[in-house]
Each structure stands twice: as structure tokens, then as C-alpha cells.
Amino acid sequence: MTTTMISYRLEWTDPTGKNHTSAVTYDKPSAQDRKQRLETEGCTEITVRQVNPGEL
């Protein structure tokens, strides 16, 4: 049985207007948790996108 890991990366704008992209990838529950924490910190334009295998 094969299990495929799907990874996600976050992109957001911090409260000062600076754009960021996560340096690490997350599984879906962890990405959603990180998104919630960024929202709490006042970040905007937060997107969670799937990362293709081998993508940096």
C-alpha cells in the first residue's frame, strides 16, 4: 500500500505590508493551524497552496 504525502506552502502579507512565503512545507492540518496563527497576528492575503513533488 502506497501513501502519498501532499505538502502545502503558505504565502501572506504581514501587518507592515511585506510579502512572505513559508520556507518550509506543511501537511494540511499544520498549514491550516499556521494560517490561523498568522490571522491572529494581523497578517492578510494568506493563501495555502499545494506544493508539487520536487518543488522548492
PDB file of N, CA and C in Angstrom:
ATOM      1  N   MET A   1       0.838  -1.172   0.000  1.00  0.00           N
ATOM      2  CA  MET A   1       0.000   0.000   0.000  1.00  0.00           C
ATOM      3  C   MET A   1       0.885   1.238   0.000  1.00  0.00           C
ATOM      4  N   THR A   2       0.578   2.180  -0.881  1.00  0.00           N
ATOM      5  CA  THR A   2       1.366   3.395  -1.007  1.00  0.00           C
ATOM      6  C   THR A   2       0.594   4.578  -0.431  1.00  0.00           C
ATOM      7  N   THR A   3       1.287   5.387   0.341  1.00  0.00           N
ATOM      8  CA  THR A   3       0.702   6.603   0.877  1.00  0.00           C
ATOM      9  C   THR A   3       1.412   7.783   0.244  1.00  0.00           C
ATOM     10  N   THR A   4       0.646   8.703  -0.305  1.00  0.00           N
ATOM     11  CA  THR A   4       1.218   9.882  -0.930  1.00  0.00           C
ATOM     12  C   THR A   4       1.090  11.067   0.019  1.00  0.00           C
ATOM     13  N   MET A   5       2.203  11.690   0.303  1.00  0.00           N
ATOM     14  CA  MET A   5       2.218  12.879   1.167  1.00  0.00           C
ATOM     15  C   MET A   5       1.959  14.096   0.301  1.00  0.00           C
ATOM     16  N   ILE A   6       0.979  14.884   0.674  1.00  0.00           N
ATOM     17  CA  ILE A   6       0.695  16.138  -0.019  1.00  0.00           C
ATOM     18  C   ILE A   6       1.161  17.266   0.890  1.00  0.00           C
ATOM     19  N   SER A   7       1.989  18.129   0.346  1.00  0.00           N
ATOM     20  CA  SER A   7       2.558  19.229   1.124  1.00  0.00           C
ATOM     21  C   SER A   7       1.955  20.551   0.686  1.00  0.00           C
ATOM     22  N   TYR A   8       1.969  21.511   1.622  1.00  0.00           N
ATOM     23  CA  TYR A   8       1.389  22.830   1.383  1.00  0.00           C
ATOM     24  C   TYR A   8       2.361  23.911   1.838  1.00  0.00           C
ATOM     25  N   ARG A   9       2.302  25.045   1.150  1.00  0.00           N
ATOM     26  CA  ARG A   9       3.128  26.200   1.472  1.00  0.00           C
ATOM     27  C   ARG A   9       2.195  27.394   1.681  1.00  0.00           C
ATOM     28  N   LEU A  10       2.582  28.293   2.555  1.00  0.00           N
ATOM     29  CA  LEU A  10       1.769  29.484   2.818  1.00  0.00           C
ATOM     30  C   LEU A  10       2.444  30.723   2.255  1.00  0.00           C
ATOM     31  N   GLU A  11       1.609  31.638   1.777  1.00  0.00           N
ATOM     32  CA  GLU A  11       2.058  32.960   1.343  1.00  0.00           C
ATOM     33  C   GLU A  11       1.157  33.962   2.043  1.00  0.00           C
ATOM     34  N   TRP A  12       1.724  35.092   2.509  1.00  0.00           N
ATOM     35  CA  TRP A  12       0.931  36.070   3.239  1.00  0.00           C
ATOM     36  C   TRP A  12       1.604  37.434   3.206  1.00  0.00           C
ATOM     37  N   THR A  13       0.839  38.433   3.633  1.00  0.00           N
ATOM     38  CA  THR A  13       1.338  39.789   3.783  1.00  0.00           C
ATOM     39  C   THR A  13       1.270  40.138   5.259  1.00  0.00           C
ATOM     40  N   ASP A  14       2.400  40.572   5.812  1.00  0.00           N
ATOM     41  CA  ASP A  14       2.416  40.907   7.242  1.00  0.00           C
ATOM     42  C   ASP A  14       1.778  42.275   7.471  1.00  0.00           C
ATOM     43  N   PRO A  15       1.552  42.653   8.732  1.00  0.00           N
ATOM     44  CA  PRO A  15       0.877  43.927   9.022  1.00  0.00           C
ATOM     45  C   PRO A  15       1.593  45.172   8.482  1.00  0.00           C
ATOM     46  N   THR A  16       2.888  45.057   8.175  1.00  0.00           N
ATOM     47  CA  THR A  16       3.623  46.211   7.626  1.00  0.00           C
ATOM     48  C   THR A  16       3.536  46.276   6.103  1.00  0.00           C
ATOM     49  N   GLY A  17       2.907  45.260   5.474  1.00  0.00           N
ATOM     50  CA  GLY A  17       2.760  45.238   4.021  1.00  0.00           C
ATOM     51  C   GLY A  17       3.794  44.403   3.298  1.00  0.00           C
ATOM     52  N   LYS A  18       4.677  43.729   4.025  1.00  0.00           N
ATOM     53  CA  LYS A  18       5.719  42.919   3.407  1.00  0.00           C
ATOM     54  C   LYS A  18       5.179  41.524   3.077  1.00  0.00           C
ATOM     55  N   ASN A  19       5.455  41.048   1.855  1.00  0.00           N
ATOM     56  CA  ASN A  19       5.037  39.711   1.429  1.00  0.00           C
ATOM     57  C   ASN A  19       6.007  38.649   1.925  1.00  0.00           C
ATOM     58  N   HIS A  20       5.452  37.489   2.283  1.00  0.00           N
ATOM     59  CA  HIS A  20       6.261  36.373   2.765  1.00  0.00           C
ATOM     60  C   HIS A  20       5.805  35.069   2.118  1.00  0.00           C
ATOM     61  N   THR A  21       6.726  34.126   2.025  1.00  0.00           N
ATOM     62  CA  THR A  21       6.441  32.759   1.617  1.00  0.00           C
ATOM     63  C   THR A  21       7.112  31.852   2.627  1.00  0.00           C
ATOM     64  N   SER A  22       6.401  30.840   3.091  1.00  0.00           N
ATOM     65  CA  SER A  22       6.987  29.947   4.092  1.00  0.00           C
ATOM     66  C   SER A  22       8.205  29.236   3.522  1.00  0.00           C
ATOM     67  N   ALA A  23       9.211  29.066   4.360  1.00  0.00           N
ATOM     68  CA  ALA A  23      10.447  28.393   3.965  1.00  0.00           C
ATOM     69  C   ALA A  23      10.319  26.882   4.091  1.00  0.00           C
ATOM     70  N   VAL A  24       9.280  26.450   4.751  1.00  0.00           N
ATOM     71  CA  VAL A  24       9.041  25.019   4.953  1.00  0.00           C
ATOM     72  C   VAL A  24       7.677  24.667   4.371  1.00  0.00           C
ATOM     73  N   THR A  25       7.436  23.377   4.201  1.00  0.00           N
ATOM     74  CA  THR A  25       6.121  22.921   3.771  1.00  0.00           C
ATOM     75  C   THR A  25       5.439  22.227   4.937  1.00  0.00           C
ATOM     76  N   TYR A  26       4.130  22.180   4.870  1.00  0.00           N
ATOM     77  CA  TYR A  26       3.316  21.641   5.946  1.00  0.00           C
ATOM     78  C   TYR A  26       2.363  20.578   5.409  1.00  0.00           C
ATOM     79  N   ASP A  27       1.906  19.682   6.285  1.00  0.00           N
ATOM     80  CA  ASP A  27       0.768  18.854   5.931  1.00  0.00           C
ATOM     81  C   ASP A  27      -0.462  19.746   6.077  1.00  0.00           C
ATOM     82  N   LYS A  28      -1.617  19.290   5.598  1.00  0.00           N
ATOM     83  CA  LYS A  28      -2.788  20.161   5.565  1.00  0.00           C
ATOM     84  C   LYS A  28      -3.228  20.663   6.947  1.00  0.00           C
ATOM     85  N   PRO A  29      -3.341  19.804   7.970  1.00  0.00           N
ATOM     86  CA  PRO A  29      -3.756  20.325   9.284  1.00  0.00           C
ATOM     87  C   PRO A  29      -2.776  21.354   9.849  1.00  0.00           C
ATOM     88  N   SER A  30      -1.488  21.132   9.646  1.00  0.00           N
ATOM     89  CA  SER A  30      -0.483  22.076  10.149  1.00  0.00           C
ATOM     90  C   SER A  30      -0.540  23.393   9.381  1.00  0.00           C
ATOM     91  N   ALA A  31      -0.794  23.332   8.078  1.00  0.00           N
ATOM     92  CA  ALA A  31      -0.909  24.549   7.272  1.00  0.00           C
ATOM     93  C   ALA A  31      -2.115  25.367   7.722  1.00  0.00           C
ATOM     94  N   GLN A  32      -3.222  24.703   8.005  1.00  0.00           N
ATOM     95  CA  GLN A  32      -4.415  25.410   8.472  1.00  0.00           C
ATOM     96  C   GLN A  32      -4.167  26.045   9.843  1.00  0.00           C
ATOM     97  N   ASP A  33      -3.446  25.332  10.710  1.00  0.00           N
ATOM     98  CA  ASP A  33      -3.101  25.879  12.026  1.00  0.00           C
ATOM     99  C   ASP A  33      -2.215  27.106  11.883  1.00  0.00           C
ATOM    100  N   ARG A  34      -1.221  27.030  11.007  1.00  0.00           N
ATOM    101  CA  ARG A  34      -0.323  28.171  10.779  1.00  0.00           C
ATOM    102  C   ARG A  34      -1.096  29.361  10.222  1.00  0.00           C
ATOM    103  N   LYS A  35      -2.043  29.096   9.311  1.00  0.00           N
ATOM    104  CA  LYS A  35      -2.866  30.159   8.749  1.00  0.00           C
ATOM    105  C   LYS A  35      -3.643  30.876   9.852  1.00  0.00           C
ATOM    106  N   GLN A  36      -4.218  30.121  10.762  1.00  0.00           N
ATOM    107  CA  GLN A  36      -4.968  30.726  11.863  1.00  0.00           C
ATOM    108  C   GLN A  36      -4.071  31.593  12.740  1.00  0.00           C
ATOM    109  N   ARG A  37      -2.842  31.113  12.997  1.00  0.00           N
ATOM    110  CA  ARG A  37      -1.913  31.906  13.810  1.00  0.00           C
ATOM    111  C   ARG A  37      -1.509  33.190  13.099  1.00  0.00           C
ATOM    112  N   LEU A  38      -1.317  33.131  11.775  1.00  0.00           N
ATOM    113  CA  LEU A  38      -0.978  34.335  11.011  1.00  0.00           C
ATOM    114  C   LEU A  38      -2.130  35.332  11.044  1.00  0.00           C
ATOM    115  N   GLU A  39      -3.365  34.837  10.938  1.00  0.00           N
ATOM    116  CA  GLU A  39      -4.530  35.722  11.023  1.00  0.00           C
ATOM    117  C   GLU A  39      -4.580  36.416  12.378  1.00  0.00           C
ATOM    118  N   THR A  40      -4.285  35.672  13.440  1.00  0.00           N
ATOM    119  CA  THR A  40      -4.274  36.229  14.793  1.00  0.00           C
ATOM    120  C   THR A  40      -3.209  37.328  14.926  1.00  0.00           C
ATOM    121  N   GLU A  41      -2.105  37.177  14.205  1.00  0.00           N
ATOM    122  CA  GLU A  41      -1.019  38.160  14.238  1.00  0.00           C
ATOM    123  C   GLU A  41      -1.311  39.387  13.367  1.00  0.00           C
ATOM    124  N   GLY A  42      -2.456  39.392  12.665  1.00  0.00           N
ATOM    125  CA  GLY A  42      -2.826  40.542  11.851  1.00  0.00           C
ATOM    126  C   GLY A  42      -2.369  40.472  10.405  1.00  0.00           C
ATOM    127  N   CYS A  43      -1.917  39.307   9.954  1.00  0.00           N
ATOM    128  CA  CYS A  43      -1.485  39.155   8.567  1.00  0.00           C
ATOM    129  C   CYS A  43      -2.705  39.053   7.649  1.00  0.00           C
ATOM    130  N   THR A  44      -2.525  39.433   6.382  1.00  0.00           N
ATOM    131  CA  THR A  44      -3.604  39.412   5.411  1.00  0.00           C
ATOM    132  C   THR A  44      -3.175  38.660   4.161  1.00  0.00           C
ATOM    133  N   GLU A  45      -4.106  38.492   3.240  1.00  0.00           N
ATOM    134  CA  GLU A  45      -3.841  37.832   1.955  1.00  0.00           C
ATOM    135  C   GLU A  45      -3.129  36.493   2.156  1.00  0.00           C
ATOM    136  N   ILE A  46      -3.601  35.715   3.096  1.00  0.00           N
ATOM    137  CA  ILE A  46      -2.984  34.424   3.415  1.00  0.00           C
ATOM    138  C   ILE A  46      -3.537  33.368   2.469  1.00  0.00           C
ATOM    139  N   THR A  47      -2.640  32.709   1.763  1.00  0.00           N
ATOM    140  CA  THR A  47      -3.054  31.625   0.886  1.00  0.00           C
ATOM    141  C   THR A  47      -2.290  30.365   1.257  1.00  0.00           C
ATOM    142  N   VAL A  48      -2.985  29.254   1.167  1.00  0.00           N
ATOM    143  CA  VAL A  48      -2.382  27.941   1.371  1.00  0.00           C
ATOM    144  C   VAL A  48      -2.439  27.262   0.017  1.00  0.00           C
ATOM    145  N   ARG A  49      -1.282  26.895  -0.516  1.00  0.00           N
ATOM    146  CA  ARG A  49      -1.282  26.257  -1.827  1.00  0.00           C
ATOM    147  C   ARG A  49      -0.526  24.943  -1.787  1.00  0.00           C
ATOM    148  N   GLN A  50      -0.975  24.018  -2.589  1.00  0.00           N
ATOM    149  CA  GLN A  50      -0.348  22.704  -2.658  1.00  0.00           C
ATOM    150  C   GLN A  50       0.982  22.828  -3.393  1.00  0.00           C
ATOM    151  N   VAL A  51       1.975  22.109  -2.891  1.00  0.00           N
ATOM    152  CA  VAL A  51       3.305  22.099  -3.473  1.00  0.00           C
ATOM    153  C   VAL A  51       3.475  20.805  -4.249  1.00  0.00           C
ATOM    154  N   ASN A  52       3.926  20.912  -5.484  1.00  0.00           N
ATOM    155  CA  ASN A  52       4.159  19.724  -6.291  1.00  0.00           C
ATOM    156  C   ASN A  52       5.405  18.993  -5.826  1.00  0.00           C
ATOM    157  N   PRO A  53       5.440  17.669  -5.981  1.00  0.00           N
ATOM    158  CA  PRO A  53       6.634  16.918  -5.587  1.00  0.00           C
ATOM    159  C   PRO A  53       7.891  17.472  -6.267  1.00  0.00           C
ATOM    160  N   GLY A  54       8.927  17.695  -5.490  1.00  0.00           N
ATOM    161  CA  GLY A  54      10.188  18.206  -6.009  1.00  0.00           C
ATOM    162  C   GLY A  54      10.258  19.717  -6.126  1.00  0.00           C
ATOM    163  N   GLU A  55       9.142  20.402  -5.906  1.00  0.00           N
ATOM    164  CA  GLU A  55       9.137  21.866  -5.982  1.00  0.00           C
ATOM    165  C   GLU A  55       9.800  22.475  -4.759  1.00  0.00           C
ATOM    166  N   LEU A  56      10.635  23.462  -4.980  1.00  0.00           N
ATOM    167  CA  LEU A  56      11.301  24.135  -3.867  1.00  0.00           C
ATOM    168  C   LEU A  56      10.526  25.342  -3.415  1.00  0.00           C
TER     169      LEU A  56
END
